[in-house]
Protein backbone atom coordinates (compact mmCIF):
# COMPACT_ATOMS: atom_id res chain seq x y z
CA MET A 1 1.12 27.97 4.22
CA THR A 2 3.33 31.28 4.45
CA SER A 3 6.66 31.81 3.57
CA ARG A 4 8.33 33.30 6.78
CA GLY A 5 11.11 30.99 8.22
CA GLY A 6 11.04 27.40 8.39
CA LEU A 7 7.99 24.94 8.85
CA VAL A 8 8.18 21.92 11.30
CA VAL A 9 5.29 19.35 11.15
CA VAL A 10 5.16 16.78 14.31
CA ASP A 11 2.88 13.75 14.64
CA ILE A 12 2.73 12.52 17.99
CA GLY A 13 0.89 8.72 17.65
CA ASN A 14 0.73 6.17 20.30
CA THR A 15 3.58 4.25 19.06
CA ARG A 16 5.95 6.44 16.97
CA ILE A 17 6.66 10.14 16.27
CA LYS A 18 6.79 11.14 12.75
CA TRP A 19 8.17 14.60 12.15
CA ALA A 20 9.56 16.42 8.58
CA GLU A 21 10.57 20.13 7.19
CA ALA A 22 7.52 21.20 5.47
CA ALA A 23 7.85 23.81 2.02
CA PRO A 24 5.01 25.03 0.15
CA GLY A 25 4.70 22.27 -3.27
CA ASP A 26 3.42 22.51 -6.58
CA GLY A 27 -0.08 20.70 -5.63
CA PRO A 28 -2.36 21.64 -2.81
CA LEU A 29 0.17 20.01 0.01
CA ALA A 30 3.67 20.69 1.54
CA THR A 31 6.52 19.10 0.39
CA LEU A 32 8.05 17.05 2.84
CA SER A 33 11.65 16.81 3.62
CA ARG A 34 14.35 15.16 5.89
CA ARG A 35 11.41 12.23 7.66
CA LEU A 36 12.54 11.54 10.78
CA ASP A 37 10.83 8.84 12.33
CA VAL A 38 11.65 7.37 16.19
CA MET A 39 9.27 5.53 18.78
CA SER A 40 6.86 7.69 21.10
CA ARG A 41 8.32 6.79 24.55
CA GLU A 42 11.95 6.10 23.71
CA PHE A 43 13.22 8.61 21.99
CA ASP A 44 16.70 9.56 22.30
CA PRO A 45 17.20 13.44 23.28
CA ALA A 46 20.29 13.95 21.22
CA THR A 47 18.27 12.56 17.78
CA VAL A 48 15.96 15.41 18.26
CA GLN A 49 18.90 18.14 18.88
CA SER A 50 21.13 17.00 16.50
CA TRP A 51 17.71 16.83 13.54
CA PHE A 52 17.40 20.31 14.32
CA ALA A 53 20.63 21.30 14.24
CA PRO A 54 21.29 22.45 10.43
CA LEU A 55 18.07 24.08 10.41
CA SER A 56 17.98 27.68 9.26
CA PRO A 57 18.87 30.40 11.23
CA HIS A 58 15.71 32.02 10.54
CA SER A 59 12.84 31.38 12.77
CA VAL A 60 11.62 27.84 12.92
CA ARG A 61 7.86 26.81 13.63
CA VAL A 62 6.86 23.68 14.93
CA LEU A 63 3.12 22.20 14.57
CA LEU A 64 2.72 19.20 17.22
CA GLY A 65 -0.17 16.85 16.43
CA SER A 66 -0.62 14.84 19.25
CA VAL A 67 -2.99 11.56 20.46
CA HIS A 68 0.14 10.80 23.50
CA ASP A 69 0.58 13.99 25.69
CA ALA A 70 3.22 12.13 27.84
CA ALA A 71 5.09 12.26 24.81
CA ALA A 72 4.56 15.47 23.50
CA GLU A 73 5.46 17.14 26.98
CA ARG A 74 8.68 15.23 26.70
CA LEU A 75 9.36 16.24 23.04
CA GLU A 76 8.54 19.80 23.97
CA GLY A 77 11.06 19.58 26.10
CA VAL A 78 13.54 18.67 24.29
CA ILE A 79 12.85 21.36 21.70
CA ALA A 80 13.38 23.93 24.03
CA SER A 81 16.44 22.77 24.84
CA VAL A 82 17.66 23.74 21.46
CA ARG A 83 16.11 26.99 21.47
CA GLY A 84 19.27 28.57 22.46
CA GLU A 85 21.01 28.07 18.64
CA HIS A 86 17.76 28.55 16.77
CA PRO A 87 14.25 30.87 17.46
CA ILE A 88 11.69 27.67 17.47
CA GLU A 89 8.06 28.66 18.22
CA VAL A 90 6.02 25.65 19.22
CA ARG A 91 2.29 24.92 18.69
CA ARG A 92 -0.10 21.91 19.42
CA VAL A 93 -2.60 21.89 16.39
CA MET A 94 -6.02 21.62 17.71
CA ARG A 95 -9.38 21.12 15.63
CA GLU A 96 -9.79 24.88 15.04
CA HIS A 97 -6.43 25.22 13.74
CA LEU A 98 -7.19 22.89 10.60
CA PRO A 99 -9.33 24.01 7.78
CA ILE A 100 -11.99 21.39 7.92
CA GLN A 101 -15.44 21.54 9.76
CA VAL A 102 -16.60 18.70 12.29
CA ASP A 103 -20.03 17.46 12.27
CA LEU A 104 -19.69 15.25 15.19
CA ASP A 105 -21.18 14.90 18.81
CA ALA A 106 -18.32 15.93 20.62
CA PRO A 107 -16.09 17.62 17.93
CA ASP A 108 -13.23 18.58 20.43
CA ARG A 109 -12.24 14.54 21.08
CA VAL A 110 -11.39 13.23 17.80
CA GLY A 111 -8.17 12.28 17.55
CA ILE A 112 -6.16 15.63 15.92
CA ASP A 113 -4.59 12.91 13.63
CA ARG A 114 -7.80 11.66 11.95
CA LEU A 115 -8.95 14.96 11.32
CA ALA A 116 -5.60 16.19 9.83
CA GLY A 117 -5.67 12.94 7.51
CA ALA A 118 -9.15 14.68 6.34
CA ALA A 119 -7.91 17.88 5.76
CA ALA A 120 -4.93 16.89 3.65
CA ALA A 121 -7.73 14.56 1.96
CA ALA A 122 -10.34 17.06 1.29
CA ARG A 123 -7.60 19.44 -0.36
CA LEU A 124 -6.66 16.62 -2.90
CA ALA A 125 -10.39 16.03 -3.65
CA PRO A 126 -12.36 18.88 -3.49
CA GLY A 127 -15.52 19.13 -3.62
CA GLN A 128 -15.68 15.06 -3.92
CA ALA A 129 -16.91 12.97 -0.50
CA MET A 130 -14.07 10.49 0.57
CA VAL A 131 -13.08 7.64 2.85
CA VAL A 132 -9.86 8.32 4.48
CA ILE A 133 -8.18 4.94 5.96
CA ASP A 134 -4.96 5.44 8.48
CA CYS A 135 -3.83 2.21 9.43
CA GLY A 136 -1.62 2.61 12.69
CA THR A 137 -2.06 1.52 16.32
CA ALA A 138 -5.36 2.12 15.30
CA VAL A 139 -7.02 1.10 12.49
CA THR A 140 -9.05 4.39 11.23
CA VAL A 141 -11.75 4.73 8.54
CA ASP A 142 -13.43 8.08 8.01
CA LEU A 143 -15.82 9.71 6.11
CA VAL A 144 -15.82 13.44 4.54
CA SER A 145 -18.92 15.04 2.67
CA ALA A 146 -18.74 16.39 -0.42
CA ALA A 147 -19.14 19.81 1.17
CA GLY A 148 -15.58 19.10 3.02
CA VAL A 149 -17.25 18.15 6.41
CA PHE A 150 -16.33 15.35 8.68
CA LEU A 151 -18.75 12.87 9.39
CA GLY A 152 -16.62 11.04 11.52
CA GLY A 153 -16.08 6.77 11.12
CA ALA A 154 -14.57 3.54 12.79
CA ILE A 155 -12.05 2.88 15.02
CA LEU A 156 -10.88 -0.37 15.07
CA PRO A 157 -7.70 -2.07 16.71
CA GLY A 158 -4.54 -2.19 14.28
CA PRO A 159 -2.21 -5.53 14.06
CA ALA A 160 -0.08 -4.94 17.36
CA LEU A 161 -2.71 -3.87 18.84
CA ALA A 162 -4.47 -7.15 18.19
CA ALA A 163 -1.93 -9.05 18.72
CA ARG A 164 -0.96 -7.88 22.26
CA ALA A 165 -5.05 -8.29 23.11
CA LEU A 166 -4.54 -11.70 22.07
CA ALA A 167 -1.59 -12.75 24.12
CA ASP A 168 -2.20 -11.53 27.10
CA GLY A 169 0.17 -8.64 26.94
CA ALA A 170 2.39 -10.39 25.80
CA SER A 171 5.57 -8.76 23.09
CA ARG A 172 4.42 -8.97 19.04
CA LEU A 173 4.48 -11.89 17.62
CA ALA A 174 6.73 -12.05 14.54
CA ALA A 175 4.31 -13.42 12.26
CA VAL A 176 2.16 -10.61 13.04
CA ALA A 177 5.00 -7.84 12.44
CA ASP A 178 5.34 -9.46 8.96
CA LEU A 179 1.76 -7.97 8.02
CA ASP A 180 2.85 -4.86 8.05
CA THR A 181 5.12 -5.57 4.57
CA GLY A 182 1.60 -6.45 2.99
CA ALA A 183 2.18 -10.26 3.21
CA ALA A 184 -0.82 -12.43 3.23
CA PRO A 185 -1.40 -14.33 6.35
CA VAL A 186 -0.85 -17.96 6.54
CA PHE A 187 -4.05 -19.56 6.33
CA PRO A 188 -4.80 -21.86 7.56
CA GLY A 189 -2.33 -21.14 10.61
CA ARG A 190 -0.32 -23.93 11.48
CA CYS A 191 1.19 -22.74 14.55
CA THR A 192 -0.76 -20.05 17.68
CA GLU A 193 1.72 -17.81 15.97
CA GLN A 194 0.43 -18.10 12.20
CA ALA A 195 -3.37 -17.98 13.49
CA VAL A 196 -3.34 -14.93 15.15
CA ALA A 197 -1.85 -13.65 12.69
CA ALA A 198 -4.56 -14.81 10.05
CA GLY A 199 -7.23 -13.68 12.33
CA ILE A 200 -6.06 -10.24 12.70
CA GLY A 201 -4.52 -9.79 9.10
CA TYR A 202 -8.13 -11.17 7.17
CA GLY A 203 -10.25 -9.67 10.34
CA ILE A 204 -8.52 -6.12 9.61
CA ARG A 205 -8.52 -6.58 5.71
CA GLY A 206 -12.44 -7.44 6.10
CA GLY A 207 -13.63 -4.96 8.20
CA VAL A 208 -11.76 -2.46 6.46
CA ALA A 209 -13.02 -3.54 2.87
CA CYS A 210 -17.04 -3.92 4.83
CA LEU A 211 -16.81 -0.33 6.15
CA VAL A 212 -15.93 1.18 2.91
CA SER A 213 -18.34 -0.57 1.22
CA GLU A 214 -21.01 1.14 4.20
CA ALA A 215 -19.23 4.71 3.95
CA GLN A 216 -20.22 4.26 -0.31
CA ARG A 217 -24.18 3.37 0.96
CA HIS A 218 -23.91 6.09 3.61
CA LEU A 219 -22.65 8.81 1.31
CA GLY A 220 -25.15 7.87 -1.60
CA CYS A 221 -22.15 7.61 -3.97
CA SER A 222 -18.55 6.43 -4.68
CA PRO A 223 -16.32 8.50 -2.47
CA VAL A 224 -12.52 8.95 -3.49
CA VAL A 225 -10.92 6.20 -1.18
CA PHE A 226 -7.41 7.41 0.39
CA LEU A 227 -4.87 4.85 2.27
CA THR A 228 -2.05 6.17 4.94
CA GLY A 229 0.02 4.39 7.71
CA GLY A 230 2.95 2.91 8.81
CA SER A 231 0.45 -0.49 8.18
CA ALA A 232 -0.95 0.77 5.06
CA GLY A 233 0.38 -2.53 3.30
CA LEU A 234 -2.07 -4.64 5.47
CA VAL A 235 -5.14 -3.66 4.13
CA ARG A 236 -4.06 -1.96 0.25
CA ASP A 237 -5.07 -5.14 -1.79
CA ALA A 238 -8.12 -5.00 -0.06
CA VAL A 239 -9.22 -1.75 -1.03
CA PRO A 240 -7.41 -1.77 -4.87
CA GLU A 241 -8.84 1.62 -5.15
CA ALA A 242 -7.38 3.60 -2.73
CA ARG A 243 -4.94 6.41 -2.75
CA GLU A 244 -2.04 5.26 -0.74
CA ILE A 245 0.14 8.55 0.22
CA PRO A 246 2.52 7.49 3.02
CA ASP A 247 2.44 11.47 4.82
CA LEU A 248 -0.92 12.05 4.70
CA VAL A 249 -1.03 13.43 8.58
CA LEU A 250 2.30 15.51 8.60
CA GLN A 251 0.79 16.55 5.22
CA GLY A 252 -2.37 17.74 7.26
CA LEU A 253 -0.68 19.21 9.96
CA ALA A 254 1.12 21.71 7.78
CA LEU A 255 -2.25 23.12 6.47
CA ALA A 256 -2.84 24.06 10.30
CA ASP A 257 0.17 27.00 9.48
């Protein structure tokens, strides 16, 4: 990263927007501060404006990584409204901006959050094969070769998405919400809500553990495993060898500067 002005990194997901100020750290990744987390569909513009208010009067660069175009466009509009007080440059992070090679059939269609997490992980374990698990709206399990090449992986529904599908579009069930804390689901479930939580919780845990084993077979070695995402607690005990880094995607986006 360069030292000119200030840097803000923003991860716009299907459910939440996470952002923070980024500065060079002692290690290979940025140090983050003033972290903010809001809903993608219903964030308050005043919250964004007040967050930018204390930034340095010098130039500010905002790097947006988005898988939710509507939310990204709305956020860009709100940021534009505070440009009168701060010279702000906003840039969408694309695949070619990140320091990682991609070996996929359609490299331009892979989610930027997956690539950012993989790029950050590659900085933390250079020269080693790795698996990056990101537990959010969706749960992704991706492979990176020892040469630092993104090889793709697997995507499965996260707990809230799976619960909505089973509940035919109903709001998130309380028992399923508990899964994000890492609490073990009740099994056998003694009501429909508990049974849904048990199926989703143990299903995702088992799926992730199986995928990590399959990744080891494919890579031909024991990879370094990284874990991130708001629902990381759901699978933490299923992959005890994983290094948990909560802001891996944001730190990866900072590498695009």
